Amino acid sequence: MPQQTKQTADKLRSEGWAIVESTGFVQLIGPLWQRVVDKVHEYALIAEDKHHNRRGLVQGGVLMTFADRTC
């Protein structure tokens, strides 16, 4: 895990985020993170190099999978 990703993951943990246990395809794009604040569910994904397309942007498929899981 790259150092910057580790630092971001440590920060998420310190703010009450937890990794969502998942299997299958979602495991390939994860880890996905979740927490509940004032009864509102929040979700996060740390974008890494594996998520980027040739233009350096997060792949649309990753975003759609993230949206699908959070809905």
N, C-alpha and C. Protein backbone atom coordinates (compact mmCIF):
# COMPACT_ATOMS: atom_id res chain seq x y z
N MET A 1 0.85 -1.18 0.00
CA MET A 1 0.00 0.00 0.00
C MET A 1 0.90 1.24 0.00
N PRO A 2 0.69 2.14 -0.95
CA PRO A 2 1.50 3.37 -0.98
C PRO A 2 1.35 4.17 0.31
N GLN A 3 2.38 4.90 0.68
CA GLN A 3 2.40 5.65 1.94
C GLN A 3 1.24 6.64 2.04
N GLN A 4 0.95 7.35 0.95
CA GLN A 4 -0.14 8.33 0.99
C GLN A 4 -1.49 7.64 1.22
N THR A 5 -1.69 6.47 0.60
CA THR A 5 -2.92 5.72 0.80
C THR A 5 -3.02 5.26 2.25
N LYS A 6 -1.91 4.80 2.81
CA LYS A 6 -1.90 4.36 4.21
C LYS A 6 -2.25 5.52 5.15
N GLN A 7 -1.69 6.69 4.88
CA GLN A 7 -1.98 7.86 5.71
C GLN A 7 -3.47 8.22 5.63
N THR A 8 -4.02 8.16 4.43
CA THR A 8 -5.44 8.48 4.26
C THR A 8 -6.31 7.45 4.98
N ALA A 9 -5.96 6.17 4.86
CA ALA A 9 -6.70 5.11 5.56
C ALA A 9 -6.62 5.31 7.07
N ASP A 10 -5.47 5.66 7.58
CA ASP A 10 -5.32 5.91 9.02
C ASP A 10 -6.19 7.07 9.46
N LYS A 11 -6.26 8.12 8.63
CA LYS A 11 -7.10 9.27 8.96
C LYS A 11 -8.57 8.87 8.97
N LEU A 12 -9.00 8.09 7.98
CA LEU A 12 -10.39 7.64 7.95
C LEU A 12 -10.72 6.85 9.22
N ARG A 13 -9.85 5.92 9.58
CA ARG A 13 -10.07 5.13 10.80
C ARG A 13 -10.21 6.03 12.03
N SER A 14 -9.35 7.03 12.13
CA SER A 14 -9.38 7.93 13.29
C SER A 14 -10.66 8.77 13.33
N GLU A 15 -11.34 8.90 12.18
CA GLU A 15 -12.59 9.67 12.11
C GLU A 15 -13.82 8.77 12.17
N GLY A 16 -13.60 7.50 12.53
CA GLY A 16 -14.73 6.60 12.73
C GLY A 16 -15.16 5.77 11.53
N TRP A 17 -14.39 5.81 10.46
CA TRP A 17 -14.70 5.02 9.28
C TRP A 17 -14.23 3.58 9.49
N ALA A 18 -14.93 2.64 8.85
CA ALA A 18 -14.55 1.22 8.90
C ALA A 18 -14.65 0.65 7.49
N ILE A 19 -13.82 -0.33 7.21
CA ILE A 19 -13.84 -0.99 5.90
C ILE A 19 -15.08 -1.88 5.82
N VAL A 20 -15.76 -1.80 4.68
CA VAL A 20 -16.92 -2.65 4.42
C VAL A 20 -16.41 -4.03 4.00
N GLU A 21 -16.84 -5.06 4.71
CA GLU A 21 -16.47 -6.42 4.32
C GLU A 21 -17.21 -6.76 3.03
N SER A 22 -16.48 -7.20 2.01
CA SER A 22 -17.10 -7.50 0.72
C SER A 22 -16.38 -8.66 0.05
N THR A 23 -17.05 -9.24 -0.91
CA THR A 23 -16.48 -10.33 -1.70
C THR A 23 -16.73 -10.04 -3.17
N GLY A 24 -16.14 -10.84 -4.01
CA GLY A 24 -16.40 -10.73 -5.45
C GLY A 24 -15.81 -9.48 -6.06
N PHE A 25 -16.53 -8.97 -7.05
CA PHE A 25 -16.05 -7.84 -7.84
C PHE A 25 -15.75 -6.60 -7.00
N VAL A 26 -16.58 -6.33 -6.02
CA VAL A 26 -16.39 -5.13 -5.19
C VAL A 26 -15.04 -5.16 -4.49
N GLN A 27 -14.56 -6.33 -4.17
CA GLN A 27 -13.25 -6.46 -3.55
C GLN A 27 -12.15 -5.92 -4.46
N LEU A 28 -12.35 -6.00 -5.76
CA LEU A 28 -11.34 -5.54 -6.70
C LEU A 28 -11.20 -4.02 -6.72
N ILE A 29 -12.28 -3.30 -6.49
CA ILE A 29 -12.19 -1.84 -6.52
C ILE A 29 -11.99 -1.25 -5.13
N GLY A 30 -12.19 -2.04 -4.09
CA GLY A 30 -12.14 -1.54 -2.71
C GLY A 30 -10.74 -1.36 -2.21
N PRO A 31 -10.64 -1.11 -0.94
CA PRO A 31 -11.74 -1.27 0.01
C PRO A 31 -12.70 -0.08 0.00
N LEU A 32 -13.96 -0.39 0.25
CA LEU A 32 -14.96 0.64 0.47
C LEU A 32 -15.03 0.91 1.97
N TRP A 33 -15.34 2.13 2.32
CA TRP A 33 -15.40 2.56 3.72
C TRP A 33 -16.80 3.04 4.04
N GLN A 34 -17.20 2.92 5.32
CA GLN A 34 -18.50 3.41 5.73
C GLN A 34 -18.46 3.89 7.18
N ARG A 35 -19.41 4.77 7.50
CA ARG A 35 -19.63 5.18 8.88
C ARG A 35 -21.04 5.76 8.95
N VAL A 36 -21.54 5.89 10.17
CA VAL A 36 -22.85 6.48 10.40
C VAL A 36 -22.65 7.69 11.31
N VAL A 37 -23.13 8.85 10.86
CA VAL A 37 -23.03 10.08 11.63
C VAL A 37 -24.44 10.66 11.75
N ASP A 38 -24.91 10.82 12.96
CA ASP A 38 -26.27 11.34 13.20
C ASP A 38 -27.31 10.59 12.37
N LYS A 39 -27.20 9.27 12.38
CA LYS A 39 -28.12 8.36 11.68
C LYS A 39 -28.06 8.46 10.15
N VAL A 40 -27.04 9.14 9.64
CA VAL A 40 -26.84 9.25 8.19
C VAL A 40 -25.66 8.36 7.80
N HIS A 41 -25.89 7.48 6.83
CA HIS A 41 -24.83 6.59 6.35
C HIS A 41 -23.95 7.33 5.36
N GLU A 42 -22.65 7.23 5.56
CA GLU A 42 -21.67 7.86 4.67
C GLU A 42 -20.75 6.77 4.13
N TYR A 43 -20.32 6.95 2.88
CA TYR A 43 -19.46 5.97 2.22
C TYR A 43 -18.28 6.68 1.58
N ALA A 44 -17.16 5.97 1.50
CA ALA A 44 -15.96 6.56 0.93
C ALA A 44 -15.16 5.50 0.18
N LEU A 45 -14.34 5.97 -0.72
CA LEU A 45 -13.41 5.13 -1.49
C LEU A 45 -12.14 5.95 -1.67
N ILE A 46 -11.02 5.39 -1.31
CA ILE A 46 -9.74 6.07 -1.54
C ILE A 46 -9.31 5.75 -2.97
N ALA A 47 -9.30 6.76 -3.82
CA ALA A 47 -8.91 6.55 -5.22
C ALA A 47 -7.40 6.31 -5.28
N GLU A 48 -7.02 5.20 -5.88
CA GLU A 48 -5.62 4.82 -6.04
C GLU A 48 -5.28 4.76 -7.53
N ASP A 49 -4.02 4.51 -7.85
CA ASP A 49 -3.61 4.39 -9.25
C ASP A 49 -4.42 3.33 -9.99
N LYS A 50 -4.80 2.26 -9.31
CA LYS A 50 -5.55 1.19 -9.96
C LYS A 50 -6.93 1.65 -10.42
N HIS A 51 -7.42 2.77 -9.92
CA HIS A 51 -8.74 3.27 -10.27
C HIS A 51 -8.72 4.25 -11.44
N HIS A 52 -7.55 4.70 -11.84
CA HIS A 52 -7.44 5.77 -12.84
C HIS A 52 -7.41 5.25 -14.28
N ASN A 53 -7.96 6.07 -15.17
CA ASN A 53 -7.86 5.78 -16.60
C ASN A 53 -6.61 6.46 -17.16
N ARG A 54 -6.45 6.44 -18.47
CA ARG A 54 -5.25 7.03 -19.08
C ARG A 54 -5.14 8.54 -18.87
N ARG A 55 -6.26 9.18 -18.62
CA ARG A 55 -6.25 10.63 -18.41
C ARG A 55 -5.99 11.00 -16.95
N GLY A 56 -5.84 9.98 -16.09
CA GLY A 56 -5.57 10.24 -14.69
C GLY A 56 -6.83 10.47 -13.85
N LEU A 57 -7.99 10.18 -14.44
CA LEU A 57 -9.26 10.34 -13.73
C LEU A 57 -9.76 8.98 -13.28
N VAL A 58 -10.61 8.98 -12.26
CA VAL A 58 -11.18 7.72 -11.79
C VAL A 58 -12.09 7.15 -12.88
N GLN A 59 -11.93 5.87 -13.16
CA GLN A 59 -12.72 5.18 -14.18
C GLN A 59 -14.21 5.31 -13.89
N GLY A 60 -15.01 5.51 -14.93
CA GLY A 60 -16.44 5.59 -14.77
C GLY A 60 -17.04 4.34 -14.17
N GLY A 61 -16.49 3.18 -14.50
CA GLY A 61 -16.99 1.92 -13.95
C GLY A 61 -16.80 1.84 -12.45
N VAL A 62 -15.71 2.41 -11.96
CA VAL A 62 -15.47 2.44 -10.51
C VAL A 62 -16.54 3.30 -9.84
N LEU A 63 -16.81 4.46 -10.44
CA LEU A 63 -17.81 5.36 -9.88
C LEU A 63 -19.20 4.73 -9.88
N MET A 64 -19.54 4.02 -10.96
CA MET A 64 -20.85 3.38 -11.05
C MET A 64 -20.97 2.24 -10.04
N THR A 65 -19.91 1.48 -9.87
CA THR A 65 -19.92 0.40 -8.88
C THR A 65 -20.05 0.98 -7.47
N PHE A 66 -19.34 2.07 -7.20
CA PHE A 66 -19.44 2.74 -5.92
C PHE A 66 -20.86 3.23 -5.68
N ALA A 67 -21.46 3.86 -6.69
CA ALA A 67 -22.84 4.33 -6.58
C ALA A 67 -23.80 3.16 -6.35
N ASP A 68 -23.59 2.08 -7.06
CA ASP A 68 -24.45 0.91 -6.92
C ASP A 68 -24.39 0.36 -5.50
N ARG A 69 -23.21 0.25 -4.95
CA ARG A 69 -23.05 -0.30 -3.59
C ARG A 69 -23.62 0.64 -2.53
N THR A 70 -23.52 1.92 -2.74
CA THR A 70 -23.99 2.86 -1.71
C THR A 70 -25.49 3.08 -1.76
N CYS A 71 -26.09 2.73 -2.88
CA CYS A 71 -27.56 2.87 -2.97
C CYS A 71 -28.21 1.65 -2.38
